[in-house]
C-alpha atoms as a PDB file:
ATOM      1  CA  MET A   1      50.665  33.738  23.729  1.00  0.00           C
ATOM      2  CA  SER A   2      50.933  37.131  22.108  1.00  0.00           C
ATOM      3  CA  VAL A   3      48.958  40.232  23.011  1.00  0.00           C
ATOM      4  CA  GLU A   4      47.765  42.787  20.486  1.00  0.00           C
ATOM      5  CA  VAL A   5      45.540  45.814  20.816  1.00  0.00           C
ATOM      6  CA  VAL A   6      42.507  45.949  18.524  1.00  0.00           C
ATOM      7  CA  ARG A   7      39.736  48.534  18.244  1.00  0.00           C
ATOM      8  CA  LEU A   8      36.064  48.537  17.541  1.00  0.00           C
ATOM      9  CA  ASP A   9      35.079  50.592  14.519  1.00  0.00           C
ATOM     10  CA  GLU A  10      32.139  53.018  14.491  1.00  0.00           C
ATOM     11  CA  ASN A  11      29.768  50.081  13.753  1.00  0.00           C
ATOM     12  CA  GLY A  12      31.053  47.974  16.656  1.00  0.00           C
ATOM     13  CA  ARG A  13      33.103  45.620  14.480  1.00  0.00           C
ATOM     14  CA  LEU A  14      36.262  44.097  15.861  1.00  0.00           C
ATOM     15  CA  TYR A  15      38.996  43.113  13.429  1.00  0.00           C
ATOM     16  CA  LEU A  16      41.269  40.251  14.415  1.00  0.00           C
ATOM     17  CA  PRO A  17      44.892  40.434  13.243  1.00  0.00           C
ATOM     18  CA  ALA A  18      45.697  38.255  10.205  1.00  0.00           C
ATOM     19  CA  SER A  19      48.319  36.305  12.161  1.00  0.00           C
ATOM     20  CA  LEU A  20      45.688  35.263  14.712  1.00  0.00           C
ATOM     21  CA  ARG A  21      43.104  34.398  12.046  1.00  0.00           C
ATOM     22  CA  LYS A  22      45.622  32.174  10.271  1.00  0.00           C
ATOM     23  CA  ARG A  23      46.540  30.318  13.465  1.00  0.00           C
ATOM     24  CA  LEU A  24      42.927  29.769  14.503  1.00  0.00           C
ATOM     25  CA  LYS A  25      41.706  28.863  10.992  1.00  0.00           C
ATOM     26  CA  ALA A  26      38.185  29.944  11.939  1.00  0.00           C
ATOM     27  CA  LYS A  27      35.798  32.475  10.476  1.00  0.00           C
ATOM     28  CA  GLU A  28      33.057  32.127  13.072  1.00  0.00           C
ATOM     29  CA  PHE A  29      33.302  32.481  16.831  1.00  0.00           C
ATOM     30  CA  TYR A  30      31.078  31.992  19.819  1.00  0.00           C
ATOM     31  CA  VAL A  31      31.153  35.164  21.913  1.00  0.00           C
ATOM     32  CA  GLU A  32      30.940  34.833  25.679  1.00  0.00           C
ATOM     33  CA  GLU A  33      31.098  37.381  28.432  1.00  0.00           C
ATOM     34  CA  ARG A  34      32.980  36.047  31.455  1.00  0.00           C
ATOM     35  CA  GLU A  35      33.418  38.202  34.504  1.00  0.00           C
ATOM     36  CA  GLY A  36      33.554  41.420  32.490  1.00  0.00           C
ATOM     37  CA  GLU A  37      35.780  40.017  29.727  1.00  0.00           C
ATOM     38  CA  ILE A  38      34.907  39.022  26.170  1.00  0.00           C
ATOM     39  CA  VAL A  39      35.942  35.512  25.164  1.00  0.00           C
ATOM     40  CA  LEU A  40      35.949  34.396  21.516  1.00  0.00           C
ATOM     41  CA  ILE A  41      35.725  30.640  20.932  1.00  0.00           C
ATOM     42  CA  PRO A  42      36.297  29.350  17.391  1.00  0.00           C
ATOM     43  CA  VAL A  43      33.344  27.472  15.910  1.00  0.00           C
ATOM     44  CA  ARG A  44      34.630  24.139  14.663  1.00  0.00           C
ATOM     45  CA  LYS A  45      32.830  21.922  12.234  1.00  0.00           C
ATOM     46  CA  LYS A  46      30.921  19.107  13.915  1.00  0.00           C
ATOM     47  CA  ILE A  47      32.964  16.493  12.008  1.00  0.00           C
ATOM     48  CA  GLU A  48      36.112  17.587  13.865  1.00  0.00           C
ATOM     49  CA  ARG A  49      34.607  16.110  17.039  1.00  0.00           C
ATOM     50  CA  TYR A  50      35.046  12.660  15.510  1.00  0.00           C
ATOM     51  CA  TRP A  51      38.698  13.101  14.543  1.00  0.00           C
ATOM     52  CA  GLY A  52      40.704  10.190  15.910  1.00  0.00           C
ATOM     53  CA  ILE A  53      37.874   7.975  17.197  1.00  0.00           C
ATOM     54  CA  VAL A  54      38.689   5.254  14.641  1.00  0.00           C
ATOM     55  CA  LYS A  55      42.472   5.460  15.283  1.00  0.00           C
ATOM     56  CA  GLY A  56      43.555   4.195  11.864  1.00  0.00           C
ATOM     57  CA  GLU A  57      41.873   0.823  12.170  1.00  0.00           C
ATOM     58  CA  LYS A  58      40.701  -0.882   8.987  1.00  0.00           C
ATOM     59  CA  LEU A  59      36.961  -0.880   9.493  1.00  0.00           C
ATOM     60  CA  SER A  60      34.011  -1.391   7.192  1.00  0.00           C
ATOM     61  CA  ALA A  61      31.678   1.503   6.427  1.00  0.00           C
ATOM     62  CA  GLU A  62      29.063  -0.083   8.680  1.00  0.00           C
ATOM     63  CA  GLU A  63      31.523  -0.331  11.589  1.00  0.00           C
ATOM     64  CA  ILE A  64      32.513   3.314  11.137  1.00  0.00           C
ATOM     65  CA  ASP A  65      28.829   4.317  11.065  1.00  0.00           C
ATOM     66  CA  ARG A  66      28.237   2.449  14.336  1.00  0.00           C
ATOM     67  CA  LEU A  67      31.245   4.113  15.978  1.00  0.00           C
ATOM     68  CA  VAL A  68      30.121   7.565  14.845  1.00  0.00           C
ATOM     69  CA  GLU A  69      26.578   6.886  16.068  1.00  0.00           C
ATOM     70  CA  LYS A  70      27.879   5.713  19.451  1.00  0.00           C
ATOM     71  CA  GLU A  71      30.166   8.745  19.795  1.00  0.00           C
ATOM     72  CA  THR A  72      27.351  11.106  18.775  1.00  0.00           C
ATOM     73  CA  GLU A  73      25.110   9.654  21.476  1.00  0.00           C
ATOM     74  CA  ARG A  74      27.899  10.087  24.047  1.00  0.00           C
ATOM     75  CA  LEU A  75      28.492  13.713  23.016  1.00  0.00           C
ATOM     76  CA  LEU A  76      24.777  14.515  23.140  1.00  0.00           C
ATOM     77  CA  ARG A  77      24.516  13.020  26.641  1.00  0.00           C
ATOM     78  CA  ASP A  78      27.499  15.135  27.738  1.00  0.00           C
ATOM     79  CA  GLU A  79      25.859  18.319  26.383  1.00  0.00           C
ATOM     80  CA  LEU A  80      22.568  17.825  28.256  1.00  0.00           C
END
């Protein structure tokens, strides 16, 4: 983990170093305040949640749809 100092400009904008932006590959972030600190969490596309659930199996489109539906239901239950 590297540490860099960044500044807010006169409009309150914070610029992330290019090296960090390239590693994170994100252009949007959730911003949280935790115990007096600012935490930036990269926003990932929803489809990334499903990466790896099929595990390279040769499945029909219908089987994949069922797996995605099942996983979506599980994720929604976990978020409630």
